Structure formats: C-alpha cells, structure tokens
N, C-alpha and C. Protein backbone atom coordinates (compact mmCIF):
# COMPACT_ATOMS: atom_id res chain seq x y z
N UNK A 1 7.52 78.54 187.51
CA UNK A 1 6.27 78.17 188.07
C UNK A 1 5.58 77.16 187.16
N UNK A 2 5.28 76.01 187.69
CA UNK A 2 4.60 74.98 186.92
C UNK A 2 3.14 74.92 187.30
N UNK A 3 2.34 74.57 186.29
CA UNK A 3 0.93 74.34 186.57
C UNK A 3 0.79 72.92 187.08
N UNK A 4 -0.13 72.75 187.97
CA UNK A 4 -0.37 71.40 188.47
C UNK A 4 -1.07 70.59 187.40
N UNK A 5 -0.72 69.32 187.26
CA UNK A 5 -1.41 68.49 186.28
C UNK A 5 -2.89 68.35 186.63
N UNK A 6 -3.70 68.35 185.62
CA UNK A 6 -5.13 68.22 185.82
C UNK A 6 -5.53 66.76 185.82
N UNK A 7 -6.51 66.45 186.57
CA UNK A 7 -7.04 65.10 186.63
C UNK A 7 -7.91 64.87 185.39
N UNK A 8 -7.66 63.78 184.64
CA UNK A 8 -8.44 63.54 183.43
C UNK A 8 -9.94 63.41 183.68
N UNK A 9 -10.34 62.97 184.87
CA UNK A 9 -11.77 62.85 185.13
C UNK A 9 -12.43 64.21 185.33
N UNK A 10 -11.64 65.24 185.60
CA UNK A 10 -12.20 66.58 185.77
C UNK A 10 -12.36 67.33 184.46
N UNK A 11 -11.75 66.82 183.40
CA UNK A 11 -11.78 67.50 182.11
C UNK A 11 -12.98 66.98 181.33
N UNK A 12 -13.80 67.88 180.78
CA UNK A 12 -14.91 67.41 179.94
C UNK A 12 -14.39 66.64 178.74
N UNK A 13 -15.20 65.73 178.24
CA UNK A 13 -14.79 64.85 177.13
C UNK A 13 -14.41 65.64 175.89
N UNK A 14 -15.09 66.77 175.64
CA UNK A 14 -14.78 67.52 174.43
C UNK A 14 -13.55 68.40 174.60
N UNK A 15 -12.98 68.46 175.80
CA UNK A 15 -11.81 69.29 176.05
C UNK A 15 -10.61 68.44 176.47
N UNK A 16 -10.52 67.21 175.93
CA UNK A 16 -9.45 66.30 176.32
C UNK A 16 -8.09 66.81 175.86
N UNK A 17 -8.07 67.67 174.86
CA UNK A 17 -6.78 68.17 174.38
C UNK A 17 -6.17 69.19 175.34
N UNK A 18 -6.94 69.61 176.32
CA UNK A 18 -6.43 70.59 177.28
C UNK A 18 -5.53 69.96 178.33
N UNK A 19 -5.48 68.64 178.38
CA UNK A 19 -4.62 67.97 179.36
C UNK A 19 -3.16 68.21 179.01
N UNK A 20 -2.31 68.36 180.02
CA UNK A 20 -0.89 68.52 179.72
C UNK A 20 -0.34 67.25 179.07
N UNK A 21 0.42 67.42 178.05
CA UNK A 21 1.04 66.29 177.37
C UNK A 21 0.10 65.58 176.42
N UNK A 22 -1.15 66.00 176.36
CA UNK A 22 -2.08 65.36 175.44
C UNK A 22 -1.80 65.86 174.03
N UNK A 23 -1.59 64.93 173.16
CA UNK A 23 -1.31 65.31 171.78
C UNK A 23 -2.61 65.67 171.10
N UNK A 24 -2.57 66.74 170.35
CA UNK A 24 -3.74 67.12 169.58
C UNK A 24 -3.73 66.25 168.33
N UNK A 25 -4.77 65.43 168.14
CA UNK A 25 -4.77 64.54 166.99
C UNK A 25 -4.87 65.33 165.69
N UNK A 26 -4.11 64.87 164.71
CA UNK A 26 -4.20 65.51 163.41
C UNK A 26 -5.57 65.22 162.83
N UNK A 27 -6.11 66.20 162.19
CA UNK A 27 -7.41 66.01 161.55
C UNK A 27 -7.20 65.12 160.33
N UNK A 28 -7.76 63.93 160.38
CA UNK A 28 -7.66 63.02 159.24
C UNK A 28 -8.77 63.39 158.28
N UNK A 29 -8.40 63.91 157.12
CA UNK A 29 -9.45 64.33 156.20
C UNK A 29 -10.19 63.12 155.65
N UNK A 30 -11.49 63.25 155.58
CA UNK A 30 -12.28 62.20 154.96
C UNK A 30 -12.14 62.29 153.45
N UNK A 31 -12.74 61.34 152.79
CA UNK A 31 -12.69 61.37 151.34
C UNK A 31 -13.61 62.48 150.83
N UNK A 32 -13.10 63.35 150.00
CA UNK A 32 -13.98 64.37 149.41
C UNK A 32 -14.97 63.71 148.45
N UNK A 33 -16.06 64.40 148.20
CA UNK A 33 -17.08 63.87 147.28
C UNK A 33 -16.50 63.62 145.89
N UNK A 34 -15.54 64.44 145.49
CA UNK A 34 -14.93 64.26 144.18
C UNK A 34 -14.21 62.93 144.03
N UNK A 35 -13.68 62.41 145.12
CA UNK A 35 -13.01 61.10 145.06
C UNK A 35 -14.04 60.01 144.75
N UNK A 36 -15.21 60.13 145.35
CA UNK A 36 -16.27 59.17 145.07
C UNK A 36 -16.72 59.26 143.61
N UNK A 37 -16.82 60.48 143.09
CA UNK A 37 -17.24 60.66 141.70
C UNK A 37 -16.21 60.06 140.75
N UNK A 38 -14.94 60.39 140.96
CA UNK A 38 -13.88 59.89 140.08
C UNK A 38 -13.81 58.36 140.15
N UNK A 39 -13.84 57.80 141.35
CA UNK A 39 -13.76 56.35 141.49
C UNK A 39 -14.97 55.67 140.86
N UNK A 40 -16.15 56.25 141.03
CA UNK A 40 -17.35 55.65 140.45
C UNK A 40 -17.33 55.70 138.93
N UNK A 41 -16.96 56.84 138.37
CA UNK A 41 -16.93 56.97 136.90
C UNK A 41 -15.90 56.02 136.31
N UNK A 42 -14.70 56.01 136.86
CA UNK A 42 -13.65 55.14 136.32
C UNK A 42 -14.01 53.67 136.56
N UNK A 43 -14.61 53.37 137.71
CA UNK A 43 -15.03 52.00 137.98
C UNK A 43 -16.11 51.52 137.02
N UNK A 44 -17.08 52.38 136.71
CA UNK A 44 -18.12 52.00 135.75
C UNK A 44 -17.55 51.85 134.35
N UNK A 45 -16.59 52.68 133.99
CA UNK A 45 -15.93 52.52 132.69
C UNK A 45 -15.16 51.19 132.65
N UNK A 46 -14.54 50.82 133.76
CA UNK A 46 -13.83 49.54 133.81
C UNK A 46 -14.81 48.38 133.66
N UNK A 47 -15.95 48.47 134.35
CA UNK A 47 -16.96 47.41 134.22
C UNK A 47 -17.49 47.32 132.79
N UNK A 48 -17.66 48.46 132.14
CA UNK A 48 -18.13 48.44 130.75
C UNK A 48 -17.10 47.76 129.84
N UNK A 49 -15.82 48.04 130.05
CA UNK A 49 -14.79 47.40 129.22
C UNK A 49 -14.72 45.90 129.48
N UNK A 50 -14.82 45.52 130.74
CA UNK A 50 -14.80 44.09 131.05
C UNK A 50 -16.02 43.41 130.46
N UNK A 51 -17.18 44.07 130.53
CA UNK A 51 -18.38 43.51 129.92
C UNK A 51 -18.24 43.36 128.41
N UNK A 52 -17.65 44.36 127.77
CA UNK A 52 -17.41 44.25 126.32
C UNK A 52 -16.41 43.13 126.01
N UNK A 53 -15.42 42.96 126.89
CA UNK A 53 -14.47 41.86 126.69
C UNK A 53 -15.15 40.50 126.80
N UNK A 54 -16.05 40.36 127.75
CA UNK A 54 -16.78 39.10 127.90
C UNK A 54 -17.70 38.87 126.70
N UNK A 55 -18.34 39.94 126.23
CA UNK A 55 -19.16 39.80 125.04
C UNK A 55 -18.30 39.44 123.83
N UNK A 56 -17.10 39.99 123.74
CA UNK A 56 -16.21 39.65 122.62
C UNK A 56 -15.81 38.18 122.67
N UNK A 57 -15.63 37.64 123.87
CA UNK A 57 -15.35 36.20 123.99
C UNK A 57 -16.54 35.40 123.49
N UNK A 58 -17.74 35.79 123.93
CA UNK A 58 -18.96 35.10 123.50
C UNK A 58 -19.10 35.18 121.98
N UNK A 59 -18.89 36.36 121.40
CA UNK A 59 -19.02 36.53 119.96
C UNK A 59 -17.97 35.73 119.21
N UNK A 60 -16.77 35.64 119.75
CA UNK A 60 -15.71 34.88 119.08
C UNK A 60 -16.03 33.39 119.07
N UNK A 61 -16.72 32.92 120.10
CA UNK A 61 -17.03 31.49 120.18
C UNK A 61 -18.30 31.11 119.43
N UNK A 62 -19.19 32.05 119.18
CA UNK A 62 -20.48 31.69 118.59
C UNK A 62 -20.68 32.21 117.18
N UNK A 63 -19.86 33.11 116.71
CA UNK A 63 -20.04 33.69 115.39
C UNK A 63 -18.79 33.47 114.55
N UNK A 64 -18.97 33.39 113.25
CA UNK A 64 -17.78 33.25 112.41
C UNK A 64 -16.94 34.53 112.45
N UNK A 65 -15.63 34.34 112.45
CA UNK A 65 -14.74 35.51 112.51
C UNK A 65 -13.82 35.50 111.31
N UNK A 66 -13.40 36.69 110.94
CA UNK A 66 -12.50 36.82 109.80
C UNK A 66 -11.06 36.54 110.18
N UNK A 67 -10.68 36.91 111.40
CA UNK A 67 -9.30 36.73 111.82
C UNK A 67 -9.27 36.35 113.29
N UNK A 68 -8.69 35.21 113.58
CA UNK A 68 -8.56 34.76 114.96
C UNK A 68 -7.62 35.68 115.73
N UNK A 69 -6.55 36.12 115.08
CA UNK A 69 -5.57 36.99 115.75
C UNK A 69 -6.21 38.31 116.18
N UNK A 70 -7.02 38.91 115.30
CA UNK A 70 -7.64 40.18 115.67
C UNK A 70 -8.69 39.99 116.77
N UNK A 71 -9.39 38.87 116.77
CA UNK A 71 -10.37 38.60 117.83
C UNK A 71 -9.67 38.43 119.17
N UNK A 72 -8.58 37.68 119.19
CA UNK A 72 -7.84 37.48 120.43
C UNK A 72 -7.24 38.80 120.91
N UNK A 73 -6.72 39.59 119.98
CA UNK A 73 -6.16 40.90 120.35
C UNK A 73 -7.22 41.79 120.96
N UNK A 74 -8.40 41.84 120.35
CA UNK A 74 -9.48 42.68 120.87
C UNK A 74 -9.91 42.22 122.27
N UNK A 75 -10.01 40.92 122.47
CA UNK A 75 -10.40 40.39 123.78
C UNK A 75 -9.36 40.75 124.83
N UNK A 76 -8.10 40.53 124.52
CA UNK A 76 -7.02 40.85 125.47
C UNK A 76 -6.97 42.35 125.74
N UNK A 77 -7.15 43.16 124.70
CA UNK A 77 -7.13 44.61 124.86
C UNK A 77 -8.27 45.08 125.77
N UNK A 78 -9.48 44.61 125.52
CA UNK A 78 -10.62 45.04 126.33
C UNK A 78 -10.48 44.60 127.79
N UNK A 79 -10.10 43.35 127.99
CA UNK A 79 -9.96 42.86 129.37
C UNK A 79 -8.78 43.51 130.08
N UNK A 80 -7.70 43.75 129.36
CA UNK A 80 -6.54 44.42 129.97
C UNK A 80 -6.84 45.86 130.34
N UNK A 81 -7.51 46.59 129.44
CA UNK A 81 -7.89 47.97 129.77
C UNK A 81 -8.88 48.01 130.92
N UNK A 82 -9.81 47.05 130.93
CA UNK A 82 -10.77 46.99 132.03
C UNK A 82 -10.09 46.72 133.36
N UNK A 83 -9.14 45.81 133.37
CA UNK A 83 -8.41 45.51 134.62
C UNK A 83 -7.57 46.71 135.05
N UNK A 84 -6.96 47.38 134.10
CA UNK A 84 -6.16 48.57 134.43
C UNK A 84 -7.02 49.69 135.00
N UNK A 85 -8.17 49.91 134.38
CA UNK A 85 -9.05 50.96 134.89
C UNK A 85 -9.63 50.58 136.25
N UNK A 86 -9.89 49.30 136.47
CA UNK A 86 -10.37 48.87 137.79
C UNK A 86 -9.30 49.17 138.85
N UNK A 87 -8.04 48.92 138.52
CA UNK A 87 -6.96 49.23 139.46
C UNK A 87 -6.88 50.73 139.71
N UNK A 88 -7.09 51.53 138.67
CA UNK A 88 -7.07 52.99 138.84
C UNK A 88 -8.22 53.42 139.74
N UNK A 89 -9.40 52.85 139.55
CA UNK A 89 -10.57 53.23 140.36
C UNK A 89 -10.35 52.89 141.83
N UNK A 90 -9.85 51.69 142.10
CA UNK A 90 -9.63 51.27 143.49
C UNK A 90 -8.56 52.14 144.15
N UNK A 91 -7.48 52.37 143.45
CA UNK A 91 -6.39 53.15 144.04
C UNK A 91 -6.70 54.65 144.09
N UNK A 92 -7.56 55.14 143.22
CA UNK A 92 -8.01 56.53 143.34
C UNK A 92 -8.84 56.69 144.60
N UNK A 93 -9.63 55.68 144.91
CA UNK A 93 -10.42 55.71 146.13
C UNK A 93 -9.53 55.69 147.37
N UNK A 94 -8.38 55.05 147.26
CA UNK A 94 -7.42 55.01 148.37
C UNK A 94 -6.60 56.30 148.48
N UNK A 95 -6.60 57.11 147.43
CA UNK A 95 -5.87 58.37 147.47
C UNK A 95 -4.47 58.30 146.90
N UNK A 96 -4.20 57.35 146.04
CA UNK A 96 -2.87 57.24 145.46
C UNK A 96 -2.66 58.32 144.39
N UNK A 97 -1.47 58.88 144.38
CA UNK A 97 -1.15 60.01 143.51
C UNK A 97 -1.15 59.63 142.03
N UNK A 98 -0.62 58.47 141.68
CA UNK A 98 -0.44 58.11 140.28
C UNK A 98 -1.76 57.92 139.54
N UNK A 99 -2.85 57.73 140.24
CA UNK A 99 -4.11 57.45 139.58
C UNK A 99 -4.70 58.67 138.88
N UNK A 100 -4.34 59.86 139.33
CA UNK A 100 -4.93 61.05 138.72
C UNK A 100 -4.53 61.19 137.26
N UNK A 101 -3.28 60.93 136.95
CA UNK A 101 -2.85 61.06 135.55
C UNK A 101 -3.47 59.98 134.67
N UNK A 102 -3.52 58.76 135.17
CA UNK A 102 -4.12 57.68 134.39
C UNK A 102 -5.61 57.93 134.17
N UNK A 103 -6.31 58.36 135.20
CA UNK A 103 -7.73 58.65 135.06
C UNK A 103 -7.97 59.80 134.10
N UNK A 104 -7.14 60.83 134.17
CA UNK A 104 -7.32 61.99 133.30
C UNK A 104 -7.09 61.62 131.83
N UNK A 105 -6.07 60.84 131.55
CA UNK A 105 -5.80 60.44 130.16
C UNK A 105 -6.98 59.63 129.63
N UNK A 106 -7.51 58.74 130.44
CA UNK A 106 -8.65 57.93 129.98
C UNK A 106 -9.88 58.81 129.75
N UNK A 107 -10.09 59.81 130.60
CA UNK A 107 -11.23 60.69 130.41
C UNK A 107 -11.08 61.50 129.12
N UNK A 108 -9.86 61.89 128.79
CA UNK A 108 -9.63 62.58 127.51
C UNK A 108 -9.96 61.68 126.33
N UNK A 109 -9.61 60.41 126.43
CA UNK A 109 -9.95 59.46 125.36
C UNK A 109 -11.46 59.28 125.25
N UNK A 110 -12.15 59.29 126.38
CA UNK A 110 -13.61 59.17 126.36
C UNK A 110 -14.24 60.40 125.71
N UNK A 111 -13.71 61.57 126.00
CA UNK A 111 -14.21 62.79 125.35
C UNK A 111 -13.96 62.72 123.85
N UNK A 112 -12.81 62.19 123.44
CA UNK A 112 -12.50 62.05 122.02
C UNK A 112 -13.46 61.08 121.33
N UNK A 113 -14.00 60.12 122.06
CA UNK A 113 -15.00 59.22 121.48
C UNK A 113 -16.39 59.84 121.50
N UNK A 114 -16.66 60.72 122.45
CA UNK A 114 -17.99 61.31 122.58
C UNK A 114 -18.25 62.38 121.53
N UNK A 115 -17.25 63.15 121.19
CA UNK A 115 -17.44 64.27 120.27
C UNK A 115 -17.94 63.81 118.90
N UNK A 116 -17.38 62.77 118.28
CA UNK A 116 -17.94 62.33 116.99
C UNK A 116 -19.40 61.86 117.11
N UNK A 117 -19.75 61.25 118.23
CA UNK A 117 -21.15 60.83 118.41
C UNK A 117 -22.07 62.04 118.45
N UNK A 118 -21.63 63.09 119.13
CA UNK A 118 -22.44 64.31 119.17
C UNK A 118 -22.52 64.96 117.79
N UNK A 119 -21.41 64.97 117.06
CA UNK A 119 -21.39 65.62 115.75
C UNK A 119 -22.21 64.86 114.72
N UNK A 120 -22.35 63.55 114.89
CA UNK A 120 -23.15 62.76 113.97
C UNK A 120 -24.64 62.86 114.27
N UNK A 121 -25.00 63.51 115.36
CA UNK A 121 -26.41 63.67 115.69
C UNK A 121 -26.94 62.67 116.70
N UNK A 122 -26.10 61.77 117.19
CA UNK A 122 -26.51 60.80 118.21
C UNK A 122 -26.30 61.44 119.57
N UNK A 123 -27.25 62.30 119.95
CA UNK A 123 -27.07 63.16 121.12
C UNK A 123 -27.07 62.36 122.42
N UNK A 124 -27.98 61.41 122.57
CA UNK A 124 -28.04 60.65 123.83
C UNK A 124 -26.76 59.85 124.08
N UNK A 125 -26.28 59.16 123.06
CA UNK A 125 -25.03 58.41 123.21
C UNK A 125 -23.86 59.37 123.45
N UNK A 126 -23.85 60.47 122.72
CA UNK A 126 -22.77 61.44 122.88
C UNK A 126 -22.74 62.03 124.28
N UNK A 127 -23.92 62.37 124.83
CA UNK A 127 -23.96 62.91 126.18
C UNK A 127 -23.61 61.85 127.22
N UNK A 128 -24.04 60.62 126.98
CA UNK A 128 -23.71 59.53 127.91
C UNK A 128 -22.20 59.27 127.93
N UNK A 129 -21.55 59.48 126.79
CA UNK A 129 -20.10 59.30 126.72
C UNK A 129 -19.35 60.55 127.17
N UNK A 130 -20.01 61.72 127.17
CA UNK A 130 -19.31 62.96 127.44
C UNK A 130 -19.45 63.44 128.89
N UNK A 131 -20.62 63.39 129.46
CA UNK A 131 -20.84 64.00 130.77
C UNK A 131 -20.08 63.32 131.92
N UNK A 132 -20.09 61.98 132.04
CA UNK A 132 -19.31 61.38 133.14
C UNK A 132 -17.81 61.68 133.07
N UNK A 133 -17.17 61.59 131.89
CA UNK A 133 -15.75 61.95 131.85
C UNK A 133 -15.48 63.41 132.17
N UNK A 134 -16.39 64.30 131.78
CA UNK A 134 -16.19 65.71 132.12
C UNK A 134 -16.29 65.92 133.63
N UNK A 135 -17.24 65.23 134.27
CA UNK A 135 -17.36 65.35 135.73
C UNK A 135 -16.12 64.80 136.41
N UNK A 136 -15.64 63.65 135.95
CA UNK A 136 -14.45 63.05 136.55
C UNK A 136 -13.23 63.94 136.33
N UNK A 137 -13.08 64.48 135.12
CA UNK A 137 -11.93 65.35 134.84
C UNK A 137 -11.99 66.62 135.68
N UNK A 138 -13.19 67.15 135.87
CA UNK A 138 -13.33 68.34 136.71
C UNK A 138 -12.90 68.04 138.15
N UNK A 139 -13.42 66.95 138.71
CA UNK A 139 -13.12 66.63 140.11
C UNK A 139 -11.67 66.22 140.31
N UNK A 140 -11.01 65.72 139.27
CA UNK A 140 -9.60 65.35 139.42
C UNK A 140 -8.73 66.54 139.79
N UNK A 141 -9.16 67.74 139.41
CA UNK A 141 -8.34 68.93 139.64
C UNK A 141 -8.89 69.85 140.72
N UNK A 142 -9.91 69.43 141.45
CA UNK A 142 -10.37 70.26 142.56
C UNK A 142 -9.35 70.18 143.68
N UNK A 143 -9.18 71.25 144.43
CA UNK A 143 -8.14 71.27 145.47
C UNK A 143 -8.30 70.16 146.52
N UNK A 144 -9.53 69.83 146.89
CA UNK A 144 -9.72 68.79 147.90
C UNK A 144 -9.28 67.42 147.40
N UNK A 145 -9.58 67.11 146.13
CA UNK A 145 -9.18 65.81 145.57
C UNK A 145 -7.67 65.77 145.39
N UNK A 146 -7.09 66.88 144.93
CA UNK A 146 -5.63 66.93 144.77
C UNK A 146 -4.95 66.75 146.12
N UNK A 147 -5.47 67.42 147.16
CA UNK A 147 -4.88 67.28 148.50
C UNK A 147 -5.05 65.87 149.04
N UNK A 148 -6.19 65.24 148.75
CA UNK A 148 -6.43 63.88 149.23
C UNK A 148 -5.53 62.87 148.53
N UNK A 149 -5.25 63.10 147.27
CA UNK A 149 -4.51 62.11 146.47
C UNK A 149 -3.03 62.42 146.41
N UNK A 150 -2.40 62.56 147.55
CA UNK A 150 -0.96 62.82 147.60
C UNK A 150 -0.17 61.63 148.09
N UNK A 151 -0.83 60.50 148.33
CA UNK A 151 -0.12 59.32 148.84
C UNK A 151 0.60 58.62 147.72
N UNK A 152 1.77 58.07 148.03
CA UNK A 152 2.55 57.36 147.03
C UNK A 152 2.68 55.87 147.34
N UNK A 153 2.35 55.47 148.57
CA UNK A 153 2.42 54.06 148.95
C UNK A 153 1.13 53.66 149.61
N UNK A 154 0.93 52.37 149.79
CA UNK A 154 -0.29 51.86 150.38
C UNK A 154 -0.27 51.94 151.91
N UNK A 155 0.86 52.33 152.49
CA UNK A 155 0.93 52.43 153.95
C UNK A 155 0.10 53.58 154.45
N UNK A 156 -0.45 53.45 155.62
CA UNK A 156 -1.23 54.51 156.22
C UNK A 156 -2.50 54.81 155.45
N UNK A 157 -3.22 53.77 155.06
CA UNK A 157 -4.40 53.97 154.23
C UNK A 157 -5.45 54.76 154.99
N UNK A 158 -6.21 55.50 154.24
CA UNK A 158 -7.28 56.31 154.79
C UNK A 158 -8.50 55.43 154.98
N UNK A 159 -9.13 55.54 156.12
CA UNK A 159 -10.30 54.69 156.39
C UNK A 159 -11.56 55.44 156.10
C-alpha cells in the first residue's frame, strides 16, 4: 500500500520536510562564539606583530643601529610571525583543523611572556598579555570549537 504523494502547495512552509522524497537538510552549524574569540585574539596579536615590524623598519631607517644584520633579522622575524598569525586567524575563522595547534602554541608563548611581567610587578601589562591568550586557549578546547574546526581543506567553506 502506497501513500499518495502530497501536493507541495498543501504543505505548510515549516513542514516542507514532510513531502515524500524531500531530503532533510543537514543542520549547518554556525560559527560558535569561541571561534570569534580565537580569531579575534590571534588576529589582534598578528596586527601587533606587524605594527612592531613596521616600527622596526622606521627605527632602522631613522636611528643609528649597532648591527644591520640583527635589524634585518628582527624586521623579517616580526613581519613573518605577523603574516603567519594572520593566516592562522583567517583559517581559524574558516574552521581549518591545523590552526588550533598553531594558535595554541602561540598562546603558550604569550603566557610565557606575561608571567615575568606579572612577577616584576607590572600588573597591567602582565594582565594585558595574559588574559587574551588564556581566553583563546580556553576556547580552542571547547567542544563546539573543536567540532567546528574539523575541516582539512578549503572546499565546502562555512558561510
């Protein structure tokens, strides 16, 4: 015994999945709030490194330097780290899997820089260096962010 096919105009709009042969769309998860936090923190850290790299270029051109090689190395290091972190921030927002490890390692380095500032008594700088990385590291391991960041390729990007 077969059921007669239903007319699509008779089905309410919110019950469109009740039609025979109608595929139930997979629930596309939106970006969890933790993804926004991680991307923002890593993105701001990238901007800070790029800003320091630009300042290092300005300082190298306007102030006497002891070593040209060390100035060039510092500029390349700051700009390279800034570009790498910017790539991590953008791809973390897209949900790429590899970004979680890179972001976590960088947050650990930020915590390692914040602790001496706190121990020396520079509390405001220490907290400014400590709290954003702790928030990013926390959100990197929340189940929603882990579930969102399981993509390995750029295909099928989340909108």
